Amino acid sequence: MYLEDLSVWRRIITLPLLFNLTLLGLIQEITQIYLTFPSETSFTDEDVSYYFSDFGTVEDVRIPYQQQRMYGFVTFSNAETVRIILARGNPHFICDSRVLVKPYKEKGKILQNKWQQLMERGSYSASSSPSGMDLYECHLG
């Protein structure tokens, strides 16, 4: 029985860290959205915050300052607000400018989703790592 447990833990440890954290429920739900909009828009961070505050509590708005700024991020206090906004669909209009929203995904979460798709399709193998390295040959210590 001990060897069976060891085998299970060895597989868990060698899977990507983010995927393991997801299995354990340690990754939080998405509380941020990604915005895209035309470069000629003139709205401010405050305008974006005001608009999205109708959906829930806005914690932060970031629109990078660029000559052709065409994207931004809005962070909310809870994931339910993001679900409500996404369920509403696109487009949104802020100061008469057309704004499209998508859930924000960190690069690590994108990789996590790819691993999850591999697992669901049953096409995961020890050599499915992005580096091509055999994950089962990794040794600890």
Protein backbone atom coordinates (compact mmCIF):
# COMPACT_ATOMS: atom_id res chain seq x y z
CA MET A 1 0.00 0.00 0.00
CA TYR A 2 2.85 2.38 0.76
CA LEU A 3 4.33 1.91 -2.73
CA GLU A 4 0.95 2.69 -4.33
CA ASP A 5 0.72 5.94 -2.35
CA LEU A 6 4.28 6.83 -3.29
CA SER A 7 3.49 6.27 -6.97
CA VAL A 8 0.46 8.58 -6.79
CA TRP A 9 2.41 11.34 -5.04
CA ARG A 10 5.27 11.02 -7.52
CA ARG A 11 2.86 11.71 -10.39
CA ILE A 12 1.27 14.64 -8.55
CA ILE A 13 4.62 16.23 -7.78
CA THR A 14 5.84 15.96 -11.37
CA LEU A 15 2.79 17.65 -12.91
CA PRO A 16 3.09 21.41 -13.42
CA LEU A 17 2.78 23.39 -10.20
CA LEU A 18 -0.19 25.47 -11.33
CA PHE A 19 -2.14 22.37 -12.30
CA ASN A 20 -1.43 20.86 -8.86
CA LEU A 21 -2.59 24.05 -7.14
CA THR A 22 -5.81 23.92 -9.14
CA LEU A 23 -6.41 20.33 -8.04
CA LEU A 24 -5.96 21.43 -4.44
CA GLY A 25 -8.28 24.42 -4.89
CA LEU A 26 -5.57 26.95 -4.13
CA ILE A 27 -5.99 29.07 -7.27
CA GLN A 28 -8.54 31.83 -6.82
CA GLU A 29 -11.27 32.61 -9.29
CA ILE A 30 -10.79 35.35 -11.87
CA THR A 31 -11.49 38.83 -10.47
CA GLN A 32 -10.07 40.84 -13.35
CA ILE A 33 -11.19 41.65 -16.88
CA TYR A 34 -9.22 42.69 -19.93
CA LEU A 35 -10.56 45.60 -22.00
CA THR A 36 -9.94 46.47 -25.63
CA PHE A 37 -11.13 49.65 -27.30
CA PRO A 38 -10.34 51.97 -30.24
CA SER A 39 -7.18 54.08 -29.98
CA GLU A 40 -9.13 57.34 -30.36
CA THR A 41 -11.04 56.89 -27.09
CA SER A 42 -10.73 59.68 -24.56
CA PHE A 43 -12.17 58.16 -21.38
CA THR A 44 -10.18 58.08 -18.15
CA ASP A 45 -9.55 55.43 -15.51
CA GLU A 46 -12.24 57.17 -13.45
CA ASP A 47 -14.77 56.86 -16.28
CA VAL A 48 -14.06 53.12 -16.54
CA SER A 49 -14.33 52.70 -12.78
CA TYR A 50 -17.62 54.58 -12.67
CA TYR A 51 -19.12 52.50 -15.50
CA PHE A 52 -18.13 49.13 -14.06
CA SER A 53 -19.10 50.09 -10.49
CA ASP A 54 -22.71 49.51 -11.60
CA PHE A 55 -21.83 45.80 -11.76
CA GLY A 56 -19.90 45.53 -8.48
CA THR A 57 -17.07 46.95 -6.39
CA VAL A 58 -14.11 48.07 -8.52
CA GLU A 59 -10.75 47.71 -6.79
CA ASP A 60 -8.42 48.95 -9.52
CA VAL A 61 -8.37 50.23 -13.11
CA ARG A 62 -5.19 50.21 -15.19
CA ILE A 63 -5.06 51.69 -18.66
CA PRO A 64 -1.42 51.89 -19.76
CA TYR A 65 -0.51 55.32 -21.09
CA GLN A 66 0.50 54.95 -24.73
CA GLN A 67 -0.05 57.04 -27.84
CA GLN A 68 -2.33 54.34 -29.17
CA ARG A 69 -3.68 52.89 -25.95
CA MET A 70 -6.07 50.17 -26.86
CA TYR A 71 -6.30 47.99 -23.77
CA GLY A 72 -6.71 48.04 -20.02
CA PHE A 73 -7.51 45.99 -16.94
CA VAL A 74 -10.21 46.27 -14.28
CA THR A 75 -9.96 44.39 -10.99
CA PHE A 76 -13.06 43.67 -8.91
CA SER A 77 -13.48 42.65 -5.29
CA ASN A 78 -15.10 39.32 -6.22
CA ALA A 79 -15.35 36.89 -9.10
CA GLU A 80 -19.15 37.08 -9.25
CA THR A 81 -18.89 40.61 -10.67
CA VAL A 82 -16.69 39.33 -13.50
CA ARG A 83 -19.20 36.55 -14.25
CA ILE A 84 -22.04 39.10 -14.41
CA ILE A 85 -20.10 41.37 -16.79
CA LEU A 86 -19.10 38.51 -19.07
CA ALA A 87 -22.65 37.13 -19.08
CA ARG A 88 -23.89 40.53 -20.27
CA GLY A 89 -21.78 40.14 -23.39
CA ASN A 90 -20.13 42.68 -25.66
CA PRO A 91 -19.93 45.51 -26.45
CA HIS A 92 -20.00 47.91 -23.52
CA PHE A 93 -20.04 51.67 -24.12
CA ILE A 94 -18.00 54.02 -21.95
CA CYS A 95 -18.23 57.72 -22.88
CA ASP A 96 -19.68 56.69 -26.25
CA SER A 97 -16.65 54.46 -26.98
CA ARG A 98 -17.12 50.79 -27.83
CA VAL A 99 -15.36 48.57 -25.27
CA LEU A 100 -14.94 44.80 -25.48
CA VAL A 101 -14.32 42.73 -22.35
CA LYS A 102 -12.72 39.33 -21.81
CA PRO A 103 -11.70 37.50 -18.66
CA TYR A 104 -8.10 38.30 -17.76
CA LYS A 105 -5.89 35.23 -17.67
CA GLU A 106 -2.36 35.26 -16.40
CA LYS A 107 0.20 33.50 -18.57
CA GLY A 108 0.40 30.72 -16.00
CA LYS A 109 -3.34 30.16 -16.19
CA ILE A 110 -3.15 29.86 -19.97
CA LEU A 111 -0.57 27.08 -19.56
CA GLN A 112 -2.73 25.54 -16.85
CA ASN A 113 -5.70 25.45 -19.24
CA LYS A 114 -3.60 23.76 -21.92
CA TRP A 115 -2.52 21.09 -19.43
CA GLN A 116 -6.10 20.62 -18.32
CA GLN A 117 -7.23 20.17 -21.94
CA LEU A 118 -4.51 17.58 -22.46
CA MET A 119 -5.64 15.70 -19.36
CA GLU A 120 -9.32 15.82 -20.39
CA ARG A 121 -8.53 14.50 -23.86
CA GLY A 122 -6.40 11.76 -22.38
CA SER A 123 -3.44 12.86 -24.47
CA TYR A 124 -1.17 13.62 -21.50
CA SER A 125 2.05 11.73 -21.39
CA ALA A 126 5.21 12.19 -19.41
CA SER A 127 6.81 13.91 -22.39
CA SER A 128 3.93 16.39 -22.85
CA SER A 129 5.84 19.11 -21.06
CA PRO A 130 6.46 22.30 -23.06
CA SER A 131 10.21 21.63 -22.87
CA GLY A 132 9.78 18.08 -24.16
CA MET A 133 11.61 16.84 -21.06
CA ASP A 134 10.34 13.61 -19.56
CA LEU A 135 8.70 14.81 -16.35
CA TYR A 136 8.82 11.38 -14.75
CA GLU A 137 12.60 11.39 -14.95
CA CYS A 138 12.88 14.50 -12.77
CA HIS A 139 14.45 13.70 -9.44
CA LEU A 140 14.02 15.59 -6.20
CA GLY A 141 16.85 16.35 -3.84
